[in-house]
Amino acid sequence: RGGRTYYADSVKGRFTISGDNAKNTVSL
């Protein structure tokens, strides 16, 4: 709903999670 993201310390700055609610897909 809000798009808030959370990351493990080991991947911060390197990985990005995103979502497309209309398509029901999430990417990394």
mmCIF file of all heavy atoms, coordinates in Angstrom:
data_MODEL
# 
_entry.id   MODEL 
# 
loop_
_atom_site.group_PDB 
_atom_site.id 
_atom_site.type_symbol 
_atom_site.label_atom_id 
_atom_site.label_alt_id 
_atom_site.label_comp_id 
_atom_site.label_asym_id 
_atom_site.label_entity_id 
_atom_site.label_seq_id 
_atom_site.pdbx_PDB_ins_code 
_atom_site.Cartn_x 
_atom_site.Cartn_y 
_atom_site.Cartn_z 
_atom_site.occupancy 
_atom_site.B_iso_or_equiv 
_atom_site.pdbx_formal_charge 
_atom_site.auth_seq_id 
_atom_site.auth_comp_id 
_atom_site.auth_asym_id 
_atom_site.auth_atom_id 
_atom_site.pdbx_PDB_model_num 
ATOM 1   N N   . ARG A 1 1  ? 0.802  -1.210 0.000   1.00 0.00 ? 1  ARG A N   1 
ATOM 2   C CA  . ARG A 1 1  ? 0.000  0.000  0.000   1.00 0.00 ? 1  ARG A CA  1 
ATOM 3   C C   . ARG A 1 1  ? 0.843  1.272  0.000   1.00 0.00 ? 1  ARG A C   1 
ATOM 4   O O   . ARG A 1 1  ? 0.599  2.171  -0.799  1.00 0.00 ? 1  ARG A O   1 
ATOM 5   C CB  . ARG A 1 1  ? -0.952 -0.002 1.197   1.00 0.00 ? 1  ARG A CB  1 
ATOM 6   C CG  . ARG A 1 1  ? -2.117 0.960  1.012   1.00 0.00 ? 1  ARG A CG  1 
ATOM 7   C CD  . ARG A 1 1  ? -3.191 0.725  2.058   1.00 0.00 ? 1  ARG A CD  1 
ATOM 8   N NE  . ARG A 1 1  ? -2.892 1.403  3.301   1.00 0.00 ? 1  ARG A NE  1 
ATOM 9   C CZ  . ARG A 1 1  ? -3.237 2.647  3.584   1.00 0.00 ? 1  ARG A CZ  1 
ATOM 10  N NH1 . ARG A 1 1  ? -3.915 3.370  2.691   1.00 0.00 ? 1  ARG A NH1 1 
ATOM 11  N NH2 . ARG A 1 1  ? -2.925 3.177  4.760   1.00 0.00 ? 1  ARG A NH2 1 
ATOM 12  N N   . GLY A 1 2  ? 1.805  1.352  0.862   1.00 0.00 ? 2  GLY A N   1 
ATOM 13  C CA  . GLY A 1 2  ? 2.587  2.566  0.973   1.00 0.00 ? 2  GLY A CA  1 
ATOM 14  C C   . GLY A 1 2  ? 3.904  2.557  0.218   1.00 0.00 ? 2  GLY A C   1 
ATOM 15  O O   . GLY A 1 2  ? 4.511  3.614  0.007   1.00 0.00 ? 2  GLY A O   1 
ATOM 16  N N   . GLY A 1 3  ? 4.347  1.375  -0.185  1.00 0.00 ? 3  GLY A N   1 
ATOM 17  C CA  . GLY A 1 3  ? 5.591  1.271  -0.917  1.00 0.00 ? 3  GLY A CA  1 
ATOM 18  C C   . GLY A 1 3  ? 6.842  1.354  -0.058  1.00 0.00 ? 3  GLY A C   1 
ATOM 19  O O   . GLY A 1 3  ? 7.948  1.471  -0.595  1.00 0.00 ? 3  GLY A O   1 
ATOM 20  N N   . ARG A 1 4  ? 6.683  1.299  1.252   1.00 0.00 ? 4  ARG A N   1 
ATOM 21  C CA  . ARG A 1 4  ? 7.842  1.332  2.129   1.00 0.00 ? 4  ARG A CA  1 
ATOM 22  C C   . ARG A 1 4  ? 8.717  0.103  1.909   1.00 0.00 ? 4  ARG A C   1 
ATOM 23  O O   . ARG A 1 4  ? 8.201  -1.006 1.750   1.00 0.00 ? 4  ARG A O   1 
ATOM 24  C CB  . ARG A 1 4  ? 7.397  1.399  3.587   1.00 0.00 ? 4  ARG A CB  1 
ATOM 25  C CG  . ARG A 1 4  ? 8.517  1.683  4.579   1.00 0.00 ? 4  ARG A CG  1 
ATOM 26  C CD  . ARG A 1 4  ? 7.979  1.670  5.999   1.00 0.00 ? 4  ARG A CD  1 
ATOM 27  N NE  . ARG A 1 4  ? 6.887  2.608  6.182   1.00 0.00 ? 4  ARG A NE  1 
ATOM 28  C CZ  . ARG A 1 4  ? 7.037  3.886  6.496   1.00 0.00 ? 4  ARG A CZ  1 
ATOM 29  N NH1 . ARG A 1 4  ? 8.249  4.382  6.679   1.00 0.00 ? 4  ARG A NH1 1 
ATOM 30  N NH2 . ARG A 1 4  ? 5.982  4.668  6.640   1.00 0.00 ? 4  ARG A NH2 1 
ATOM 31  N N   . THR A 1 5  ? 10.008 0.312  1.892   1.00 0.00 ? 5  THR A N   1 
ATOM 32  C CA  . THR A 1 5  ? 10.941 -0.775 1.627   1.00 0.00 ? 5  THR A CA  1 
ATOM 33  C C   . THR A 1 5  ? 11.836 -1.039 2.823   1.00 0.00 ? 5  THR A C   1 
ATOM 34  O O   . THR A 1 5  ? 12.092 -0.158 3.646   1.00 0.00 ? 5  THR A O   1 
ATOM 35  C CB  . THR A 1 5  ? 11.804 -0.482 0.394   1.00 0.00 ? 5  THR A CB  1 
ATOM 36  O OG1 . THR A 1 5  ? 12.513 0.752  0.588   1.00 0.00 ? 5  THR A OG1 1 
ATOM 37  C CG2 . THR A 1 5  ? 10.945 -0.373 -0.850  1.00 0.00 ? 5  THR A CG2 1 
ATOM 38  N N   . TYR A 1 6  ? 12.333 -2.256 2.885   1.00 0.00 ? 6  TYR A N   1 
ATOM 39  C CA  . TYR A 1 6  ? 13.197 -2.711 3.963   1.00 0.00 ? 6  TYR A CA  1 
ATOM 40  C C   . TYR A 1 6  ? 14.322 -3.532 3.356   1.00 0.00 ? 6  TYR A C   1 
ATOM 41  O O   . TYR A 1 6  ? 14.107 -4.288 2.405   1.00 0.00 ? 6  TYR A O   1 
ATOM 42  C CB  . TYR A 1 6  ? 12.422 -3.569 4.963   1.00 0.00 ? 6  TYR A CB  1 
ATOM 43  C CG  . TYR A 1 6  ? 11.179 -2.913 5.512   1.00 0.00 ? 6  TYR A CG  1 
ATOM 44  C CD1 . TYR A 1 6  ? 9.997  -2.914 4.780   1.00 0.00 ? 6  TYR A CD1 1 
ATOM 45  C CD2 . TYR A 1 6  ? 11.187 -2.301 6.758   1.00 0.00 ? 6  TYR A CD2 1 
ATOM 46  C CE1 . TYR A 1 6  ? 8.851  -2.312 5.271   1.00 0.00 ? 6  TYR A CE1 1 
ATOM 47  C CE2 . TYR A 1 6  ? 10.048 -1.697 7.257   1.00 0.00 ? 6  TYR A CE2 1 
ATOM 48  C CZ  . TYR A 1 6  ? 8.884  -1.706 6.517   1.00 0.00 ? 6  TYR A CZ  1 
ATOM 49  O OH  . TYR A 1 6  ? 7.753  -1.107 7.006   1.00 0.00 ? 6  TYR A OH  1 
ATOM 50  N N   . TYR A 1 7  ? 15.523 -3.396 3.915   1.00 0.00 ? 7  TYR A N   1 
ATOM 51  C CA  . TYR A 1 7  ? 16.677 -4.097 3.387   1.00 0.00 ? 7  TYR A CA  1 
ATOM 52  C C   . TYR A 1 7  ? 17.542 -4.658 4.501   1.00 0.00 ? 7  TYR A C   1 
ATOM 53  O O   . TYR A 1 7  ? 17.683 -4.049 5.563   1.00 0.00 ? 7  TYR A O   1 
ATOM 54  C CB  . TYR A 1 7  ? 17.551 -3.177 2.536   1.00 0.00 ? 7  TYR A CB  1 
ATOM 55  C CG  . TYR A 1 7  ? 16.878 -2.650 1.302   1.00 0.00 ? 7  TYR A CG  1 
ATOM 56  C CD1 . TYR A 1 7  ? 16.243 -1.420 1.305   1.00 0.00 ? 7  TYR A CD1 1 
ATOM 57  C CD2 . TYR A 1 7  ? 16.886 -3.394 0.120   1.00 0.00 ? 7  TYR A CD2 1 
ATOM 58  C CE1 . TYR A 1 7  ? 15.626 -0.933 0.167   1.00 0.00 ? 7  TYR A CE1 1 
ATOM 59  C CE2 . TYR A 1 7  ? 16.270 -2.909 -1.022  1.00 0.00 ? 7  TYR A CE2 1 
ATOM 60  C CZ  . TYR A 1 7  ? 15.642 -1.683 -0.992  1.00 0.00 ? 7  TYR A CZ  1 
ATOM 61  O OH  . TYR A 1 7  ? 15.027 -1.206 -2.122  1.00 0.00 ? 7  TYR A OH  1 
ATOM 62  N N   . ALA A 1 8  ? 18.124 -5.804 4.231   1.00 0.00 ? 8  ALA A N   1 
ATOM 63  C CA  . ALA A 1 8  ? 19.157 -6.311 5.107   1.00 0.00 ? 8  ALA A CA  1 
ATOM 64  C C   . ALA A 1 8  ? 20.393 -5.440 4.960   1.00 0.00 ? 8  ALA A C   1 
ATOM 65  O O   . ALA A 1 8  ? 20.666 -4.897 3.883   1.00 0.00 ? 8  ALA A O   1 
ATOM 66  C CB  . ALA A 1 8  ? 19.491 -7.761 4.762   1.00 0.00 ? 8  ALA A CB  1 
ATOM 67  N N   . ASP A 1 9  ? 21.148 -5.292 6.039   1.00 0.00 ? 9  ASP A N   1 
ATOM 68  C CA  . ASP A 1 9  ? 22.344 -4.458 5.999   1.00 0.00 ? 9  ASP A CA  1 
ATOM 69  C C   . ASP A 1 9  ? 23.327 -4.914 4.926   1.00 0.00 ? 9  ASP A C   1 
ATOM 70  O O   . ASP A 1 9  ? 24.022 -4.092 4.322   1.00 0.00 ? 9  ASP A O   1 
ATOM 71  C CB  . ASP A 1 9  ? 23.035 -4.459 7.361   1.00 0.00 ? 9  ASP A CB  1 
ATOM 72  C CG  . ASP A 1 9  ? 22.270 -3.674 8.410   1.00 0.00 ? 9  ASP A CG  1 
ATOM 73  O OD1 . ASP A 1 9  ? 21.420 -2.845 8.036   1.00 0.00 ? 9  ASP A OD1 1 
ATOM 74  O OD2 . ASP A 1 9  ? 22.534 -3.888 9.603   1.00 0.00 ? 9  ASP A OD2 1 
ATOM 75  N N   . SER A 1 10 ? 23.378 -6.198 4.674   1.00 0.00 ? 10 SER A N   1 
ATOM 76  C CA  . SER A 1 10 ? 24.339 -6.748 3.736   1.00 0.00 ? 10 SER A CA  1 
ATOM 77  C C   . SER A 1 10 ? 24.086 -6.349 2.287   1.00 0.00 ? 10 SER A C   1 
ATOM 78  O O   . SER A 1 10 ? 24.984 -6.466 1.453   1.00 0.00 ? 10 SER A O   1 
ATOM 79  C CB  . SER A 1 10 ? 24.367 -8.278 3.845   1.00 0.00 ? 10 SER A CB  1 
ATOM 80  O OG  . SER A 1 10 ? 23.091 -8.828 3.560   1.00 0.00 ? 10 SER A OG  1 
ATOM 81  N N   . VAL A 1 11 ? 22.878 -5.871 1.985   1.00 0.00 ? 11 VAL A N   1 
ATOM 82  C CA  . VAL A 1 11 ? 22.549 -5.529 0.602   1.00 0.00 ? 11 VAL A CA  1 
ATOM 83  C C   . VAL A 1 11 ? 22.199 -4.064 0.417   1.00 0.00 ? 11 VAL A C   1 
ATOM 84  O O   . VAL A 1 11 ? 21.972 -3.630 -0.721  1.00 0.00 ? 11 VAL A O   1 
ATOM 85  C CB  . VAL A 1 11 ? 21.407 -6.409 0.057   1.00 0.00 ? 11 VAL A CB  1 
ATOM 86  C CG1 . VAL A 1 11 ? 21.740 -7.879 0.225   1.00 0.00 ? 11 VAL A CG1 1 
ATOM 87  C CG2 . VAL A 1 11 ? 20.084 -6.062 0.740   1.00 0.00 ? 11 VAL A CG2 1 
ATOM 88  N N   . LYS A 1 12 ? 22.155 -3.293 1.490   1.00 0.00 ? 12 LYS A N   1 
ATOM 89  C CA  . LYS A 1 12 ? 21.826 -1.876 1.379   1.00 0.00 ? 12 LYS A CA  1 
ATOM 90  C C   . LYS A 1 12 ? 22.808 -1.168 0.458   1.00 0.00 ? 12 LYS A C   1 
ATOM 91  O O   . LYS A 1 12 ? 24.011 -1.360 0.550   1.00 0.00 ? 12 LYS A O   1 
ATOM 92  C CB  . LYS A 1 12 ? 21.831 -1.217 2.756   1.00 0.00 ? 12 LYS A CB  1 
ATOM 93  C CG  . LYS A 1 12 ? 20.631 -1.547 3.607   1.00 0.00 ? 12 LYS A CG  1 
ATOM 94  C CD  . LYS A 1 12 ? 20.694 -0.830 4.950   1.00 0.00 ? 12 LYS A CD  1 
ATOM 95  C CE  . LYS A 1 12 ? 19.483 -1.140 5.801   1.00 0.00 ? 12 LYS A CE  1 
ATOM 96  N NZ  . LYS A 1 12 ? 19.549 -0.494 7.126   1.00 0.00 ? 12 LYS A NZ  1 
ATOM 97  N N   . GLY A 1 13 ? 22.274 -0.350 -0.431  1.00 0.00 ? 13 GLY A N   1 
ATOM 98  C CA  . GLY A 1 13 ? 23.098 0.376  -1.374  1.00 0.00 ? 13 GLY A CA  1 
ATOM 99  C C   . GLY A 1 13 ? 23.419 -0.400 -2.627  1.00 0.00 ? 13 GLY A C   1 
ATOM 100 O O   . GLY A 1 13 ? 23.924 0.174  -3.598  1.00 0.00 ? 13 GLY A O   1 
ATOM 101 N N   . ARG A 1 14 ? 23.140 -1.703 -2.629  1.00 0.00 ? 14 ARG A N   1 
ATOM 102 C CA  . ARG A 1 14 ? 23.425 -2.534 -3.790  1.00 0.00 ? 14 ARG A CA  1 
ATOM 103 C C   . ARG A 1 14 ? 22.156 -3.104 -4.423  1.00 0.00 ? 14 ARG A C   1 
ATOM 104 O O   . ARG A 1 14 ? 22.075 -3.228 -5.639  1.00 0.00 ? 14 ARG A O   1 
ATOM 105 C CB  . ARG A 1 14 ? 24.353 -3.687 -3.421  1.00 0.00 ? 14 ARG A CB  1 
ATOM 106 C CG  . ARG A 1 14 ? 25.704 -3.246 -2.888  1.00 0.00 ? 14 ARG A CG  1 
ATOM 107 C CD  . ARG A 1 14 ? 26.655 -4.428 -2.750  1.00 0.00 ? 14 ARG A CD  1 
ATOM 108 N NE  . ARG A 1 14 ? 26.146 -5.436 -1.814  1.00 0.00 ? 14 ARG A NE  1 
ATOM 109 C CZ  . ARG A 1 14 ? 25.915 -6.702 -2.141  1.00 0.00 ? 14 ARG A CZ  1 
ATOM 110 N NH1 . ARG A 1 14 ? 26.150 -7.127 -3.372  1.00 0.00 ? 14 ARG A NH1 1 
ATOM 111 N NH2 . ARG A 1 14 ? 25.465 -7.554 -1.220  1.00 0.00 ? 14 ARG A NH2 1 
ATOM 112 N N   . PHE A 1 15 ? 21.192 -3.456 -3.586  1.00 0.00 ? 15 PHE A N   1 
ATOM 113 C CA  . PHE A 1 15 ? 19.950 -4.058 -4.066  1.00 0.00 ? 15 PHE A CA  1 
ATOM 114 C C   . PHE A 1 15 ? 18.806 -3.067 -3.935  1.00 0.00 ? 15 PHE A C   1 
ATOM 115 O O   . PHE A 1 15 ? 18.771 -2.259 -2.999  1.00 0.00 ? 15 PHE A O   1 
ATOM 116 C CB  . PHE A 1 15 ? 19.590 -5.308 -3.258  1.00 0.00 ? 15 PHE A CB  1 
ATOM 117 C CG  . PHE A 1 15 ? 20.500 -6.484 -3.458  1.00 0.00 ? 15 PHE A CG  1 
ATOM 118 C CD1 . PHE A 1 15 ? 21.694 -6.375 -4.163  1.00 0.00 ? 15 PHE A CD1 1 
ATOM 119 C CD2 . PHE A 1 15 ? 20.159 -7.715 -2.929  1.00 0.00 ? 15 PHE A CD2 1 
ATOM 120 C CE1 . PHE A 1 15 ? 22.529 -7.464 -4.335  1.00 0.00 ? 15 PHE A CE1 1 
ATOM 121 C CE2 . PHE A 1 15 ? 20.980 -8.813 -3.094  1.00 0.00 ? 15 PHE A CE2 1 
ATOM 122 C CZ  . PHE A 1 15 ? 22.162 -8.693 -3.792  1.00 0.00 ? 15 PHE A CZ  1 
ATOM 123 N N   . THR A 1 16 ? 17.853 -3.144 -4.848  1.00 0.00 ? 16 THR A N   1 
ATOM 124 C CA  . THR A 1 16 ? 16.667 -2.311 -4.804  1.00 0.00 ? 16 THR A CA  1 
ATOM 125 C C   . THR A 1 16 ? 15.441 -3.158 -5.085  1.00 0.00 ? 16 THR A C   1 
ATOM 126 O O   . THR A 1 16 ? 15.376 -3.835 -6.108  1.00 0.00 ? 16 THR A O   1 
ATOM 127 C CB  . THR A 1 16 ? 16.740 -1.166 -5.827  1.00 0.00 ? 16 THR A CB  1 
ATOM 128 O OG1 . THR A 1 16 ? 17.904 -0.368 -5.589  1.00 0.00 ? 16 THR A OG1 1 
ATOM 129 C CG2 . THR A 1 16 ? 15.498 -0.286 -5.718  1.00 0.00 ? 16 THR A CG2 1 
ATOM 130 N N   . ILE A 1 17 ? 14.476 -3.111 -4.176  1.00 0.00 ? 17 ILE A N   1 
ATOM 131 C CA  . ILE A 1 17 ? 13.232 -3.828 -4.384  1.00 0.00 ? 17 ILE A CA  1 
ATOM 132 C C   . ILE A 1 17 ? 12.182 -2.843 -4.888  1.00 0.00 ? 17 ILE A C   1 
ATOM 133 O O   . ILE A 1 17 ? 12.127 -1.693 -4.451  1.00 0.00 ? 17 ILE A O   1 
ATOM 134 C CB  . ILE A 1 17 ? 12.758 -4.532 -3.089  1.00 0.00 ? 17 ILE A CB  1 
ATOM 135 C CG1 . ILE A 1 17 ? 11.546 -5.419 -3.377  1.00 0.00 ? 17 ILE A CG1 1 
ATOM 136 C CG2 . ILE A 1 17 ? 12.458 -3.532 -1.985  1.00 0.00 ? 17 ILE A CG2 1 
ATOM 137 C CD1 . ILE A 1 17 ? 11.160 -6.318 -2.211  1.00 0.00 ? 17 ILE A CD1 1 
ATOM 138 N N   . SER A 1 18 ? 11.366 -3.290 -5.808  1.00 0.00 ? 18 SER A N   1 
ATOM 139 C CA  . SER A 1 18 ? 10.304 -2.457 -6.348  1.00 0.00 ? 18 SER A CA  1 
ATOM 140 C C   . SER A 1 18 ? 9.100  -3.326 -6.662  1.00 0.00 ? 18 SER A C   1 
ATOM 141 O O   . SER A 1 18 ? 9.229  -4.538 -6.860  1.00 0.00 ? 18 SER A O   1 
ATOM 142 C CB  . SER A 1 18 ? 10.763 -1.704 -7.595  1.00 0.00 ? 18 SER A CB  1 
ATOM 143 O OG  . SER A 1 18 ? 11.153 -2.601 -8.617  1.00 0.00 ? 18 SER A OG  1 
ATOM 144 N N   . GLY A 1 19 ? 7.936  -2.703 -6.695  1.00 0.00 ? 19 GLY A N   1 
ATOM 145 C CA  . GLY A 1 19 ? 6.725  -3.442 -6.965  1.00 0.00 ? 19 GLY A CA  1 
ATOM 146 C C   . GLY A 1 19 ? 5.809  -2.714 -7.922  1.00 0.00 ? 19 GLY A C   1 
ATOM 147 O O   . GLY A 1 19 ? 5.824  -1.487 -8.004  1.00 0.00 ? 19 GLY A O   1 
ATOM 148 N N   . ASP A 1 20 ? 5.045  -3.481 -8.644  1.00 0.00 ? 20 ASP A N   1 
ATOM 149 C CA  . ASP A 1 20 ? 4.023  -2.962 -9.542  1.00 0.00 ? 20 ASP A CA  1 
ATOM 150 C C   . ASP A 1 20 ? 2.717  -3.581 -9.096  1.00 0.00 ? 20 ASP A C   1 
ATOM 151 O O   . ASP A 1 20 ? 2.423  -4.733 -9.425  1.00 0.00 ? 20 ASP A O   1 
ATOM 152 C CB  . ASP A 1 20 ? 4.345  -3.313 -10.991 1.00 0.00 ? 20 ASP A CB  1 
ATOM 153 C CG  . ASP A 1 20 ? 3.396  -2.655 -11.975 1.00 0.00 ? 20 ASP A CG  1 
ATOM 154 O OD1 . ASP A 1 20 ? 2.242  -2.376 -11.625 1.00 0.00 ? 20 ASP A OD1 1 
ATOM 155 O OD2 . ASP A 1 20 ? 3.822  -2.420 -13.121 1.00 0.00 ? 20 ASP A OD2 1 
ATOM 156 N N   . ASN A 1 21 ? 1.934  -2.817 -8.349  1.00 0.00 ? 21 ASN A N   1 
ATOM 157 C CA  . ASN A 1 21 ? 0.698  -3.344 -7.786  1.00 0.00 ? 21 ASN A CA  1 
ATOM 158 C C   . ASN A 1 21 ? -0.302 -3.764 -8.862  1.00 0.00 ? 21 ASN A C   1 
ATOM 159 O O   . ASN A 1 21 ? -1.007 -4.757 -8.706  1.00 0.00 ? 21 ASN A O   1 
ATOM 160 C CB  . ASN A 1 21 ? 0.061  -2.306 -6.857  1.00 0.00 ? 21 ASN A CB  1 
ATOM 161 C CG  . ASN A 1 21 ? -1.110 -2.855 -6.081  1.00 0.00 ? 21 ASN A CG  1 
ATOM 162 O OD1 . ASN A 1 21 ? -1.001 -3.871 -5.400  1.00 0.00 ? 21 ASN A OD1 1 
ATOM 163 N ND2 . ASN A 1 21 ? -2.244 -2.184 -6.172  1.00 0.00 ? 21 ASN A ND2 1 
ATOM 164 N N   . ALA A 1 22 ? -0.345 -3.005 -9.955  1.00 0.00 ? 22 ALA A N   1 
ATOM 165 C CA  . ALA A 1 22 ? -1.282 -3.310 -11.029 1.00 0.00 ? 22 ALA A CA  1 
ATOM 166 C C   . ALA A 1 22 ? -0.972 -4.647 -11.681 1.00 0.00 ? 22 ALA A C   1 
ATOM 167 O O   . ALA A 1 22 ? -1.884 -5.361 -12.108 1.00 0.00 ? 22 ALA A O   1 
ATOM 168 C CB  . ALA A 1 22 ? -1.265 -2.196 -12.070 1.00 0.00 ? 22 ALA A CB  1 
ATOM 169 N N   . LYS A 1 23 ? 0.294  -4.978 -11.753 1.00 0.00 ? 23 LYS A N   1 
ATOM 170 C CA  . LYS A 1 23 ? 0.702  -6.229 -12.384 1.00 0.00 ? 23 LYS A CA  1 
ATOM 171 C C   . LYS A 1 23 ? 0.961  -7.345 -11.381 1.00 0.00 ? 23 LYS A C   1 
ATOM 172 O O   . LYS A 1 23 ? 1.245  -8.474 -11.780 1.00 0.00 ? 23 LYS A O   1 
ATOM 173 C CB  . LYS A 1 23 ? 1.957  -6.006 -13.227 1.00 0.00 ? 23 LYS A CB  1 
ATOM 174 C CG  . LYS A 1 23 ? 1.759  -5.066 -14.403 1.00 0.00 ? 23 LYS A CG  1 
ATOM 175 C CD  . LYS A 1 23 ? 3.033  -4.939 -15.221 1.00 0.00 ? 23 LYS A CD  1 
ATOM 176 C CE  . LYS A 1 23 ? 2.831  -4.042 -16.421 1.00 0.00 ? 23 LYS A CE  1 
ATOM 177 N NZ  . LYS A 1 23 ? 4.071  -3.915 -17.237 1.00 0.00 ? 23 LYS A NZ  1 
ATOM 178 N N   . ASN A 1 24 ? 0.885  -7.016 -10.101 1.00 0.00 ? 24 ASN A N   1 
ATOM 179 C CA  . ASN A 1 24 ? 1.170  -7.989 -9.045  1.00 0.00 ? 24 ASN A CA  1 
ATOM 180 C C   . ASN A 1 24 ? 2.547  -8.620 -9.213  1.00 0.00 ? 24 ASN A C   1 
ATOM 181 O O   . ASN A 1 24 ? 2.703  -9.842 -9.139  1.00 0.00 ? 24 ASN A O   1 
ATOM 182 C CB  . ASN A 1 24 ? 0.090  -9.064 -8.996  1.00 0.00 ? 24 ASN A CB  1 
ATOM 183 C CG  . ASN A 1 24 ? -1.234 -8.541 -8.496  1.00 0.00 ? 24 ASN A CG  1 
ATOM 184 O OD1 . ASN A 1 24 ? -1.288 -7.761 -7.539  1.00 0.00 ? 24 ASN A OD1 1 
ATOM 185 N ND2 . ASN A 1 24 ? -2.314 -8.961 -9.133  1.00 0.00 ? 24 ASN A ND2 1 
ATOM 186 N N   . THR A 1 25 ? 3.519  -7.771 -9.449  1.00 0.00 ? 25 THR A N   1 
ATOM 187 C CA  . THR A 1 25 ? 4.882  -8.239 -9.595  1.00 0.00 ? 25 THR A CA  1 
ATOM 188 C C   . THR A 1 25 ? 5.815  -7.461 -8.675  1.00 0.00 ? 25 THR A C   1 
ATOM 189 O O   . THR A 1 25 ? 5.578  -6.297 -8.373  1.00 0.00 ? 25 THR A O   1 
ATOM 190 C CB  . THR A 1 25 ? 5.390  -8.102 -11.040 1.00 0.00 ? 25 THR A CB  1 
ATOM 191 O OG1 . THR A 1 25 ? 5.329  -6.729 -11.441 1.00 0.00 ? 25 THR A OG1 1 
ATOM 192 C CG2 . THR A 1 25 ? 4.554  -8.933 -11.990 1.00 0.00 ? 25 THR A CG2 1 
ATOM 193 N N   . VAL A 1 26 ? 6.856  -8.124 -8.251  1.00 0.00 ? 26 VAL A N   1 
ATOM 194 C CA  . VAL A 1 26 ? 7.891  -7.511 -7.432  1.00 0.00 ? 26 VAL A CA  1 
ATOM 195 C C   . VAL A 1 26 ? 9.236  -7.870 -8.034  1.00 0.00 ? 26 VAL A C   1 
ATOM 196 O O   . VAL A 1 26 ? 9.444  -9.008 -8.458  1.00 0.00 ? 26 VAL A O   1 
ATOM 197 C CB  . VAL A 1 26 ? 7.817  -7.984 -5.969  1.00 0.00 ? 26 VAL A CB  1 
ATOM 198 C CG1 . VAL A 1 26 ? 9.004  -7.464 -5.173  1.00 0.00 ? 26 VAL A CG1 1 
ATOM 199 C CG2 . VAL A 1 26 ? 6.521  -7.520 -5.328  1.00 0.00 ? 26 VAL A CG2 1 
ATOM 200 N N   . SER A 1 27 ? 10.133 -6.894 -8.071  1.00 0.00 ? 27 SER A N   1 
ATOM 201 C CA  . SER A 1 27 ? 11.448 -7.112 -8.644  1.00 0.00 ? 27 SER A CA  1 
ATOM 202 C C   . SER A 1 27 ? 12.527 -6.812 -7.626  1.00 0.00 ? 27 SER A C   1 
ATOM 203 O O   . SER A 1 27 ? 12.325 -6.055 -6.676  1.00 0.00 ? 27 SER A O   1 
ATOM 204 C CB  . SER A 1 27 ? 11.649 -6.233 -9.880  1.00 0.00 ? 27 SER A CB  1 
ATOM 205 O OG  . SER A 1 27 ? 10.730 -6.553 -10.904 1.00 0.00 ? 27 SER A OG  1 
ATOM 206 N N   . LEU A 1 28 ? 13.674 -7.417 -7.843  1.00 0.00 ? 28 LEU A N   1 
ATOM 207 C CA  . LEU A 1 28 ? 14.849 -7.150 -7.027  1.00 0.00 ? 28 LEU A CA  1 
ATOM 208 C C   . LEU A 1 28 ? 16.008 -6.879 -7.969  1.00 0.00 ? 28 LEU A C   1 
ATOM 209 O O   . LEU A 1 28 ? 16.501 -7.791 -8.628  1.00 0.00 ? 28 LEU A O   1 
ATOM 210 C CB  . LEU A 1 28 ? 15.169 -8.333 -6.109  1.00 0.00 ? 28 LEU A CB  1 
ATOM 211 C CG  . LEU A 1 28 ? 16.320 -8.118 -5.132  1.00 0.00 ? 28 LEU A CG  1 
ATOM 212 C CD1 . LEU A 1 28 ? 15.927 -7.097 -4.067  1.00 0.00 ? 28 LEU A CD1 1 
ATOM 213 C CD2 . LEU A 1 28 ? 16.737 -9.428 -4.477  1.00 0.00 ? 28 LEU A CD2 1 
# 
